[in-house]
Amino acid sequence: GAPWEQVAAEWTIFMVLAVGLVIACARRG
């Protein structure tokens, strides 16, 4: 039941990491 403000930082870091990994791997085949 944590408010979004409490979870937003972890979610943002997770999404940046996930998208960054996908882009980096795809660029290298």
PDB file of all heavy atoms in Angstrom:
ATOM      1  N   GLY A   1       0.787  -1.232   0.000  1.00  0.00           N
ATOM      2  CA  GLY A   1       0.000   0.000   0.000  1.00  0.00           C
ATOM      3  C   GLY A   1       0.812   1.270   0.000  1.00  0.00           C
ATOM      4  O   GLY A   1       0.284   2.347   0.306  1.00  0.00           O
ATOM      5  N   ALA A   2       2.081   1.200  -0.372  1.00  0.00           N
ATOM      6  CA  ALA A   2       2.920   2.401  -0.413  1.00  0.00           C
ATOM      7  C   ALA A   2       2.422   3.342  -1.508  1.00  0.00           C
ATOM      8  O   ALA A   2       2.004   2.893  -2.578  1.00  0.00           O
ATOM      9  CB  ALA A   2       4.377   2.023  -0.674  1.00  0.00           C
ATOM     10  N   PRO A   3       2.451   4.638  -1.259  1.00  0.00           N
ATOM     11  CA  PRO A   3       2.048   5.590  -2.292  1.00  0.00           C
ATOM     12  C   PRO A   3       3.054   5.602  -3.442  1.00  0.00           C
ATOM     13  O   PRO A   3       4.218   5.230  -3.279  1.00  0.00           O
ATOM     14  CB  PRO A   3       2.034   6.936  -1.556  1.00  0.00           C
ATOM     15  CG  PRO A   3       2.938   6.748  -0.395  1.00  0.00           C
ATOM     16  CD  PRO A   3       2.873   5.308  -0.021  1.00  0.00           C
ATOM     17  N   TRP A   4       2.600   6.053  -4.615  1.00  0.00           N
ATOM     18  CA  TRP A   4       3.450   6.082  -5.803  1.00  0.00           C
ATOM     19  C   TRP A   4       4.730   6.889  -5.559  1.00  0.00           C
ATOM     20  O   TRP A   4       5.787   6.520  -6.050  1.00  0.00           O
ATOM     21  CB  TRP A   4       2.680   6.645  -6.985  1.00  0.00           C
ATOM     22  CG  TRP A   4       3.566   6.896  -8.166  1.00  0.00           C
ATOM     23  CD1 TRP A   4       3.898   8.099  -8.700  1.00  0.00           C
ATOM     24  CD2 TRP A   4       4.253   5.916  -8.950  1.00  0.00           C
ATOM     25  NE1 TRP A   4       4.745   7.929  -9.766  1.00  0.00           N
ATOM     26  CE2 TRP A   4       4.980   6.588  -9.934  1.00  0.00           C
ATOM     27  CE3 TRP A   4       4.344   4.524  -8.896  1.00  0.00           C
ATOM     28  CZ2 TRP A   4       5.776   5.941 -10.874  1.00  0.00           C
ATOM     29  CZ3 TRP A   4       5.138   3.876  -9.845  1.00  0.00           C
ATOM     30  CH2 TRP A   4       5.831   4.578 -10.811  1.00  0.00           C
ATOM     31  N   GLU A   5       4.638   7.958  -4.807  1.00  0.00           N
ATOM     32  CA  GLU A   5       5.804   8.794  -4.542  1.00  0.00           C
ATOM     33  C   GLU A   5       6.925   8.000  -3.872  1.00  0.00           C
ATOM     34  O   GLU A   5       8.097   8.281  -4.065  1.00  0.00           O
ATOM     35  CB  GLU A   5       5.439   9.994  -3.659  1.00  0.00           C
ATOM     36  CG  GLU A   5       4.508  10.981  -4.308  1.00  0.00           C
ATOM     37  CD  GLU A   5       3.047  10.539  -4.274  1.00  0.00           C
ATOM     38  OE1 GLU A   5       2.685   9.657  -3.446  1.00  0.00           O
ATOM     39  OE2 GLU A   5       2.272  11.066  -5.083  1.00  0.00           O
ATOM     40  N   GLN A   6       6.561   7.019  -3.082  1.00  0.00           N
ATOM     41  CA  GLN A   6       7.548   6.204  -2.382  1.00  0.00           C
ATOM     42  C   GLN A   6       8.177   5.162  -3.311  1.00  0.00           C
ATOM     43  O   GLN A   6       9.315   4.759  -3.112  1.00  0.00           O
ATOM     44  CB  GLN A   6       6.892   5.503  -1.191  1.00  0.00           C
ATOM     45  CG  GLN A   6       7.849   4.726  -0.313  1.00  0.00           C
ATOM     46  CD  GLN A   6       7.142   4.157   0.900  1.00  0.00           C
ATOM     47  OE1 GLN A   6       6.075   4.626   1.290  1.00  0.00           O
ATOM     48  NE2 GLN A   6       7.724   3.135   1.478  1.00  0.00           N
ATOM     49  N   VAL A   7       7.457   4.735  -4.325  1.00  0.00           N
ATOM     50  CA  VAL A   7       7.896   3.663  -5.214  1.00  0.00           C
ATOM     51  C   VAL A   7       8.521   4.215  -6.496  1.00  0.00           C
ATOM     52  O   VAL A   7       9.269   3.519  -7.181  1.00  0.00           O
ATOM     53  CB  VAL A   7       6.695   2.745  -5.561  1.00  0.00           C
ATOM     54  CG1 VAL A   7       7.081   1.616  -6.462  1.00  0.00           C
ATOM     55  CG2 VAL A   7       6.053   2.222  -4.297  1.00  0.00           C
ATOM     56  N   ALA A   8       8.259   5.457  -6.816  1.00  0.00           N
ATOM     57  CA  ALA A   8       8.635   6.031  -8.109  1.00  0.00           C
ATOM     58  C   ALA A   8      10.130   5.963  -8.395  1.00  0.00           C
ATOM     59  O   ALA A   8      10.536   5.676  -9.523  1.00  0.00           O
ATOM     60  CB  ALA A   8       8.147   7.477  -8.202  1.00  0.00           C
ATOM     61  N   ALA A   9      10.965   6.218  -7.417  1.00  0.00           N
ATOM     62  CA  ALA A   9      12.409   6.218  -7.650  1.00  0.00           C
ATOM     63  C   ALA A   9      12.895   4.826  -8.051  1.00  0.00           C
ATOM     64  O   ALA A   9      13.650   4.681  -9.028  1.00  0.00           O
ATOM     65  CB  ALA A   9      13.150   6.703  -6.410  1.00  0.00           C
ATOM     66  N   GLU A  10      12.475   3.789  -7.313  1.00  0.00           N
ATOM     67  CA  GLU A  10      12.889   2.432  -7.657  1.00  0.00           C
ATOM     68  C   GLU A  10      12.369   2.034  -9.036  1.00  0.00           C
ATOM     69  O   GLU A  10      13.076   1.418  -9.823  1.00  0.00           O
ATOM     70  CB  GLU A  10      12.397   1.420  -6.613  1.00  0.00           C
ATOM     71  CG  GLU A  10      13.172   1.454  -5.322  1.00  0.00           C
ATOM     72  CD  GLU A  10      12.430   2.211  -4.237  1.00  0.00           C
ATOM     73  OE1 GLU A  10      11.592   3.064  -4.574  1.00  0.00           O
ATOM     74  OE2 GLU A  10      12.705   1.939  -3.060  1.00  0.00           O
ATOM     75  N   TRP A  11      11.121   2.391  -9.331  1.00  0.00           N
ATOM     76  CA  TRP A  11      10.536   2.055 -10.624  1.00  0.00           C
ATOM     77  C   TRP A  11      11.298   2.745 -11.747  1.00  0.00           C
ATOM     78  O   TRP A  11      11.575   2.130 -12.784  1.00  0.00           O
ATOM     79  CB  TRP A  11       9.060   2.430 -10.661  1.00  0.00           C
ATOM     80  CG  TRP A  11       8.420   2.098 -11.967  1.00  0.00           C
ATOM     81  CD1 TRP A  11       8.019   2.959 -12.933  1.00  0.00           C
ATOM     82  CD2 TRP A  11       8.126   0.791 -12.452  1.00  0.00           C
ATOM     83  NE1 TRP A  11       7.495   2.273 -13.995  1.00  0.00           N
ATOM     84  CE2 TRP A  11       7.548   0.929 -13.721  1.00  0.00           C
ATOM     85  CE3 TRP A  11       8.306  -0.483 -11.929  1.00  0.00           C
ATOM     86  CZ2 TRP A  11       7.140  -0.150 -14.491  1.00  0.00           C
ATOM     87  CZ3 TRP A  11       7.903  -1.565 -12.705  1.00  0.00           C
ATOM     88  CH2 TRP A  11       7.325  -1.390 -13.959  1.00  0.00           C
ATOM     89  N   THR A  12      11.647   4.002 -11.554  1.00  0.00           N
ATOM     90  CA  THR A  12      12.391   4.752 -12.576  1.00  0.00           C
ATOM     91  C   THR A  12      13.758   4.126 -12.814  1.00  0.00           C
ATOM     92  O   THR A  12      14.163   3.927 -13.966  1.00  0.00           O
ATOM     93  CB  THR A  12      12.537   6.230 -12.157  1.00  0.00           C
ATOM     94  OG1 THR A  12      11.228   6.778 -11.964  1.00  0.00           O
ATOM     95  CG2 THR A  12      13.277   7.024 -13.203  1.00  0.00           C
ATOM     96  N   ILE A  13      14.471   3.791 -11.742  1.00  0.00           N
ATOM     97  CA  ILE A  13      15.788   3.156 -11.886  1.00  0.00           C
ATOM     98  C   ILE A  13      15.651   1.813 -12.596  1.00  0.00           C
ATOM     99  O   ILE A  13      16.434   1.488 -13.500  1.00  0.00           O
ATOM    100  CB  ILE A  13      16.464   2.994 -10.511  1.00  0.00           C
ATOM    101  CG1 ILE A  13      16.813   4.362  -9.933  1.00  0.00           C
ATOM    102  CG2 ILE A  13      17.710   2.119 -10.608  1.00  0.00           C
ATOM    103  CD1 ILE A  13      17.218   4.337  -8.470  1.00  0.00           C
ATOM    104  N   PHE A  14      14.647   1.034 -12.227  1.00  0.00           N
ATOM    105  CA  PHE A  14      14.418  -0.263 -12.871  1.00  0.00           C
ATOM    106  C   PHE A  14      14.174  -0.089 -14.364  1.00  0.00           C
ATOM    107  O   PHE A  14      14.758  -0.801 -15.183  1.00  0.00           O
ATOM    108  CB  PHE A  14      13.233  -0.981 -12.213  1.00  0.00           C
ATOM    109  CG  PHE A  14      12.816  -2.211 -12.946  1.00  0.00           C
ATOM    110  CD1 PHE A  14      13.549  -3.376 -12.839  1.00  0.00           C
ATOM    111  CD2 PHE A  14      11.690  -2.204 -13.753  1.00  0.00           C
ATOM    112  CE1 PHE A  14      13.174  -4.521 -13.531  1.00  0.00           C
ATOM    113  CE2 PHE A  14      11.308  -3.341 -14.443  1.00  0.00           C
ATOM    114  CZ  PHE A  14      12.053  -4.499 -14.331  1.00  0.00           C
ATOM    115  N   MET A  15      13.306   0.849 -14.734  1.00  0.00           N
ATOM    116  CA  MET A  15      12.977   1.046 -16.144  1.00  0.00           C
ATOM    117  C   MET A  15      14.172   1.566 -16.938  1.00  0.00           C
ATOM    118  O   MET A  15      14.400   1.127 -18.073  1.00  0.00           O
ATOM    119  CB  MET A  15      11.776   1.987 -16.294  1.00  0.00           C
ATOM    120  CG  MET A  15      10.473   1.374 -15.810  1.00  0.00           C
ATOM    121  SD  MET A  15      10.083  -0.235 -16.542  1.00  0.00           S
ATOM    122  CE  MET A  15       9.859   0.190 -18.243  1.00  0.00           C
ATOM    123  N   VAL A  16      14.940   2.473 -16.372  1.00  0.00           N
ATOM    124  CA  VAL A  16      16.143   2.970 -17.061  1.00  0.00           C
ATOM    125  C   VAL A  16      17.120   1.818 -17.281  1.00  0.00           C
ATOM    126  O   VAL A  16      17.694   1.668 -18.368  1.00  0.00           O
ATOM    127  CB  VAL A  16      16.796   4.128 -16.265  1.00  0.00           C
ATOM    128  CG1 VAL A  16      18.184   4.445 -16.783  1.00  0.00           C
ATOM    129  CG2 VAL A  16      15.912   5.368 -16.318  1.00  0.00           C
ATOM    130  N   LEU A  17      17.304   0.994 -16.274  1.00  0.00           N
ATOM    131  CA  LEU A  17      18.195  -0.163 -16.388  1.00  0.00           C
ATOM    132  C   LEU A  17      17.687  -1.134 -17.447  1.00  0.00           C
ATOM    133  O   LEU A  17      18.453  -1.593 -18.299  1.00  0.00           O
ATOM    134  CB  LEU A  17      18.329  -0.860 -15.031  1.00  0.00           C
ATOM    135  CG  LEU A  17      19.206  -2.100 -14.971  1.00  0.00           C
ATOM    136  CD1 LEU A  17      20.637  -1.778 -15.367  1.00  0.00           C
ATOM    137  CD2 LEU A  17      19.170  -2.694 -13.569  1.00  0.00           C
ATOM    138  N   ALA A  18      16.410  -1.455 -17.418  1.00  0.00           N
ATOM    139  CA  ALA A  18      15.840  -2.413 -18.368  1.00  0.00           C
ATOM    140  C   ALA A  18      15.948  -1.908 -19.803  1.00  0.00           C
ATOM    141  O   ALA A  18      16.413  -2.627 -20.693  1.00  0.00           O
ATOM    142  CB  ALA A  18      14.382  -2.704 -18.009  1.00  0.00           C
ATOM    143  N   VAL A  19      15.524  -0.682 -20.039  1.00  0.00           N
ATOM    144  CA  VAL A  19      15.576  -0.120 -21.392  1.00  0.00           C
ATOM    145  C   VAL A  19      17.024   0.027 -21.855  1.00  0.00           C
ATOM    146  O   VAL A  19      17.360  -0.283 -23.003  1.00  0.00           O
ATOM    147  CB  VAL A  19      14.817   1.229 -21.450  1.00  0.00           C
ATOM    148  CG1 VAL A  19      15.045   1.934 -22.769  1.00  0.00           C
ATOM    149  CG2 VAL A  19      13.327   1.003 -21.221  1.00  0.00           C
ATOM    150  N   GLY A  20      17.890   0.461 -20.960  1.00  0.00           N
ATOM    151  CA  GLY A  20      19.306   0.601 -21.310  1.00  0.00           C
ATOM    152  C   GLY A  20      19.933  -0.722 -21.690  1.00  0.00           C
ATOM    153  O   GLY A  20      20.703  -0.800 -22.657  1.00  0.00           O
ATOM    154  N   LEU A  21      19.626  -1.785 -20.958  1.00  0.00           N
ATOM    155  CA  LEU A  21      20.155  -3.108 -21.287  1.00  0.00           C
ATOM    156  C   LEU A  21      19.653  -3.591 -22.638  1.00  0.00           C
ATOM    157  O   LEU A  21      20.422  -4.144 -23.439  1.00  0.00           O
ATOM    158  CB  LEU A  21      19.779  -4.117 -20.200  1.00  0.00           C
ATOM    159  CG  LEU A  21      20.531  -4.014 -18.889  1.00  0.00           C
ATOM    160  CD1 LEU A  21      19.898  -4.920 -17.835  1.00  0.00           C
ATOM    161  CD2 LEU A  21      21.995  -4.371 -19.082  1.00  0.00           C
ATOM    162  N   VAL A  22      18.376  -3.391 -22.911  1.00  0.00           N
ATOM    163  CA  VAL A  22      17.810  -3.824 -24.192  1.00  0.00           C
ATOM    164  C   VAL A  22      18.484  -3.086 -25.347  1.00  0.00           C
ATOM    165  O   VAL A  22      18.902  -3.697 -26.337  1.00  0.00           O
ATOM    166  CB  VAL A  22      16.275  -3.613 -24.216  1.00  0.00           C
ATOM    167  CG1 VAL A  22      15.723  -3.773 -25.615  1.00  0.00           C
ATOM    168  CG2 VAL A  22      15.604  -4.577 -23.263  1.00  0.00           C
ATOM    169  N   ILE A  23      18.619  -1.782 -25.227  1.00  0.00           N
ATOM    170  CA  ILE A  23      19.238  -0.988 -26.299  1.00  0.00           C
ATOM    171  C   ILE A  23      20.703  -1.376 -26.482  1.00  0.00           C
ATOM    172  O   ILE A  23      21.170  -1.586 -27.610  1.00  0.00           O
ATOM    173  CB  ILE A  23      19.088   0.516 -26.006  1.00  0.00           C
ATOM    174  CG1 ILE A  23      17.616   0.922 -26.142  1.00  0.00           C
ATOM    175  CG2 ILE A  23      19.966   1.347 -26.939  1.00  0.00           C
ATOM    176  CD1 ILE A  23      17.313   2.329 -25.656  1.00  0.00           C
ATOM    177  N   ALA A  24      21.440  -1.488 -25.387  1.00  0.00           N
ATOM    178  CA  ALA A  24      22.865  -1.824 -25.476  1.00  0.00           C
ATOM    179  C   ALA A  24      23.075  -3.199 -26.110  1.00  0.00           C
ATOM    180  O   ALA A  24      23.961  -3.367 -26.957  1.00  0.00           O
ATOM    181  CB  ALA A  24      23.507  -1.768 -24.093  1.00  0.00           C
ATOM    182  N   CYS A  25      22.267  -4.164 -25.724  1.00  0.00           N
ATOM    183  CA  CYS A  25      22.413  -5.510 -26.291  1.00  0.00           C
ATOM    184  C   CYS A  25      22.008  -5.540 -27.763  1.00  0.00           C
ATOM    185  O   CYS A  25      22.705  -6.141 -28.590  1.00  0.00           O
ATOM    186  CB  CYS A  25      21.589  -6.515 -25.490  1.00  0.00           C
ATOM    187  SG  CYS A  25      22.294  -6.879 -23.865  1.00  0.00           S
ATOM    188  N   ALA A  26      20.907  -4.902 -28.109  1.00  0.00           N
ATOM    189  CA  ALA A  26      20.456  -4.892 -29.504  1.00  0.00           C
ATOM    190  C   ALA A  26      21.476  -4.210 -30.409  1.00  0.00           C
ATOM    191  O   ALA A  26      21.734  -4.678 -31.528  1.00  0.00           O
ATOM    192  CB  ALA A  26      19.099  -4.204 -29.615  1.00  0.00           C
ATOM    193  N   ARG A  27      22.079  -3.137 -29.947  1.00  0.00           N
ATOM    194  CA  ARG A  27      23.094  -2.432 -30.748  1.00  0.00           C
ATOM    195  C   ARG A  27      24.318  -3.293 -31.008  1.00  0.00           C
ATOM    196  O   ARG A  27      25.016  -3.111 -31.999  1.00  0.00           O
ATOM    197  CB  ARG A  27      23.529  -1.151 -30.050  1.00  0.00           C
ATOM    198  CG  ARG A  27      22.457  -0.067 -30.094  1.00  0.00           C
ATOM    199  CD  ARG A  27      22.954   1.236 -29.557  1.00  0.00           C
ATOM    200  NE  ARG A  27      23.971   1.764 -30.445  1.00  0.00           N
ATOM    201  CZ  ARG A  27      24.980   2.532 -30.039  1.00  0.00           C
ATOM    202  NH1 ARG A  27      25.088   2.858 -28.770  1.00  0.00           N
ATOM    203  NH2 ARG A  27      25.864   2.972 -30.893  1.00  0.00           N
ATOM    204  N   ARG A  28      24.578  -4.244 -30.123  1.00  0.00           N
ATOM    205  CA  ARG A  28      25.747  -5.118 -30.274  1.00  0.00           C
ATOM    206  C   ARG A  28      25.384  -6.482 -30.864  1.00  0.00           C
ATOM    207  O   ARG A  28      26.220  -7.368 -30.968  1.00  0.00           O
ATOM    208  CB  ARG A  28      26.434  -5.290 -28.922  1.00  0.00           C
ATOM    209  CG  ARG A  28      27.165  -4.018 -28.526  1.00  0.00           C
ATOM    210  CD  ARG A  28      27.513  -3.996 -27.063  1.00  0.00           C
ATOM    211  NE  ARG A  28      28.173  -2.769 -26.671  1.00  0.00           N
ATOM    212  CZ  ARG A  28      27.568  -1.623 -26.396  1.00  0.00           C
ATOM    213  NH1 ARG A  28      26.254  -1.535 -26.484  1.00  0.00           N
ATOM    214  NH2 ARG A  28      28.252  -0.554 -26.045  1.00  0.00           N
ATOM    215  N   GLY A  29      24.105  -6.653 -31.226  1.00  0.00           N
ATOM    216  CA  GLY A  29      23.666  -7.905 -31.827  1.00  0.00           C
ATOM    217  C   GLY A  29      23.602  -9.058 -30.841  1.00  0.00           C
ATOM    218  O   GLY A  29      23.733 -10.215 -31.220  1.00  0.00           O
TER     219      GLY A  29
END
